[in-house]
Amino acid sequence: QVQLVESGGGLVQPGGSLRLSCAASAPISNYYVMAWYRQAPGKERELVAGSTVDGITRYADSVKGRFTISRDNAKNIVYLQMNSLKPEDTAVYYCDAAGQRGQGTQVTVSS
């Protein structure tokens, strides 16, 4: 079992940037895929981005070209760099390791 702690969320204006971090209590190299999900009010949770231990990344169409997932296996941290943020990116963002998730971090994009 791994504990995941997300941070880095906040309020940002449209067009702004945020970098989310996910600190894991166990080596993330144990998990082939580390991912970020998000859930907006009244909507289902959706996969935002995933990263495999051998460097393959995948993104939701809605964030391609704007978000970048990366993982630091030495520090056991997964990042989500979010650029050109839009109001529709507003959600609680969760880090995921084999179905285990943290408490999430709120991202609000608003002017």
Foldseek 3Di string as FASTA:
>chain_A
DKAKDKDWADEAAQQAKIKMKIAIPDQLLVFQKKFKWWDDPPGDIDTAKIAGSVGDIDGDPVQPPFWDWDADRVRRMIMIIGGRDDQVVFTFMWMDGPRDTYPTDTHGYHD
